[in-house]
């Protein structure tokens, strides 16, 4: 309880998905992932409404930005459901 997203990503409890949502890598982080994703989806929906894009397209655009800003060692889940760490 009380762990930040940065801590969860650094520990590997959470990873980032290809769709711009966090993915639990540890079952203890499932609740935190749901809370974070609810906030992200609100942002994605707002942006989708502004641009006329789907939430999925907006999420994938954010996913690319998240990858660029992520720290080395952050886990990422590909569209083909394969985990890898950012070099």
Protein backbone atom coordinates (compact mmCIF):
# COMPACT_ATOMS: atom_id res chain seq x y z
CA UNK A 1 0.00 0.00 0.00
CA UNK A 2 1.20 3.48 -0.74
CA UNK A 3 3.70 2.50 -3.40
CA UNK A 4 4.01 4.92 -6.25
CA UNK A 5 3.81 4.04 -9.92
CA UNK A 6 7.55 4.68 -10.24
CA UNK A 7 8.28 2.24 -7.42
CA UNK A 8 5.99 -0.41 -8.90
CA UNK A 9 7.59 -0.04 -12.32
CA UNK A 10 11.10 -0.12 -10.84
CA UNK A 11 10.35 -3.25 -8.82
CA UNK A 12 8.71 -4.97 -11.79
CA UNK A 13 5.37 -5.35 -9.99
CA UNK A 14 3.81 -3.34 -12.83
CA UNK A 15 4.76 -3.04 -16.46
CA UNK A 16 3.55 -0.85 -19.30
CA UNK A 17 1.32 -2.22 -22.03
CA UNK A 18 1.33 -1.52 -25.77
CA UNK A 19 -2.09 0.13 -25.30
CA UNK A 20 -0.98 2.80 -22.84
CA UNK A 21 -2.26 0.98 -19.77
CA UNK A 22 -0.27 -0.53 -16.92
CA UNK A 23 -0.25 -4.29 -16.56
CA UNK A 24 0.28 -6.10 -13.26
CA UNK A 25 3.24 -8.47 -13.32
CA UNK A 26 2.60 -9.36 -9.68
CA UNK A 27 -0.90 -10.15 -8.45
CA UNK A 28 -0.40 -7.89 -5.43
CA UNK A 29 -0.31 -4.90 -7.80
CA UNK A 30 -3.63 -5.62 -9.55
CA UNK A 31 -5.60 -3.09 -7.51
CA UNK A 32 -3.04 -0.36 -8.12
CA UNK A 33 -3.07 -1.16 -11.85
CA UNK A 34 -6.85 -0.80 -11.96
CA UNK A 35 -6.73 2.57 -10.19
CA UNK A 36 -3.97 3.90 -12.46
CA UNK A 37 -5.71 2.64 -15.59
CA UNK A 38 -9.01 4.27 -14.57
CA UNK A 39 -7.21 7.63 -14.41
CA UNK A 40 -5.40 7.05 -17.69
CA UNK A 41 -8.60 6.02 -19.45
CA UNK A 42 -10.27 9.28 -18.40
CA UNK A 43 -7.38 11.20 -19.96
CA UNK A 44 -7.46 9.05 -23.10
CA UNK A 45 -11.23 9.48 -23.44
CA UNK A 46 -10.96 13.25 -23.11
CA UNK A 47 -8.21 13.36 -25.73
CA UNK A 48 -10.18 11.03 -28.01
CA UNK A 49 -13.19 13.32 -27.80
CA UNK A 50 -11.01 16.32 -28.67
CA UNK A 51 -9.32 14.69 -31.65
CA UNK A 52 -12.02 12.42 -33.03
CA UNK A 53 -9.78 9.38 -32.54
CA UNK A 54 -10.74 6.21 -30.70
CA UNK A 55 -9.59 5.64 -27.12
CA UNK A 56 -7.49 2.73 -28.40
CA UNK A 57 -5.63 4.94 -30.90
CA UNK A 58 -5.02 7.59 -28.25
CA UNK A 59 -3.79 4.92 -25.81
CA UNK A 60 -1.32 3.53 -28.34
CA UNK A 61 0.01 7.04 -29.02
CA UNK A 62 0.49 7.61 -25.30
CA UNK A 63 2.16 4.18 -25.04
CA UNK A 64 4.90 5.33 -27.43
CA UNK A 65 5.45 8.46 -25.32
CA UNK A 66 5.49 6.39 -22.13
CA UNK A 67 8.14 4.12 -23.65
CA UNK A 68 10.31 7.07 -24.65
CA UNK A 69 10.19 8.53 -21.12
CA UNK A 70 10.49 5.23 -19.27
CA UNK A 71 13.54 4.37 -17.27
CA UNK A 72 15.91 1.64 -18.33
CA UNK A 73 14.72 -1.73 -17.04
CA UNK A 74 11.01 -0.91 -17.19
CA UNK A 75 8.96 -3.91 -18.31
CA UNK A 76 6.81 -3.59 -21.44
CA UNK A 77 4.16 -5.96 -22.74
CA UNK A 78 3.96 -6.14 -26.52
CA UNK A 79 0.82 -6.54 -28.58
CA UNK A 80 1.84 -10.19 -29.05
CA UNK A 81 1.79 -10.64 -25.24
CA UNK A 82 5.58 -10.85 -24.81
CA UNK A 83 7.34 -9.12 -21.91
CA UNK A 84 10.65 -7.34 -22.44
CA UNK A 85 12.67 -4.76 -20.52
CA UNK A 86 13.68 -1.42 -21.92
CA UNK A 87 17.42 -1.51 -22.55
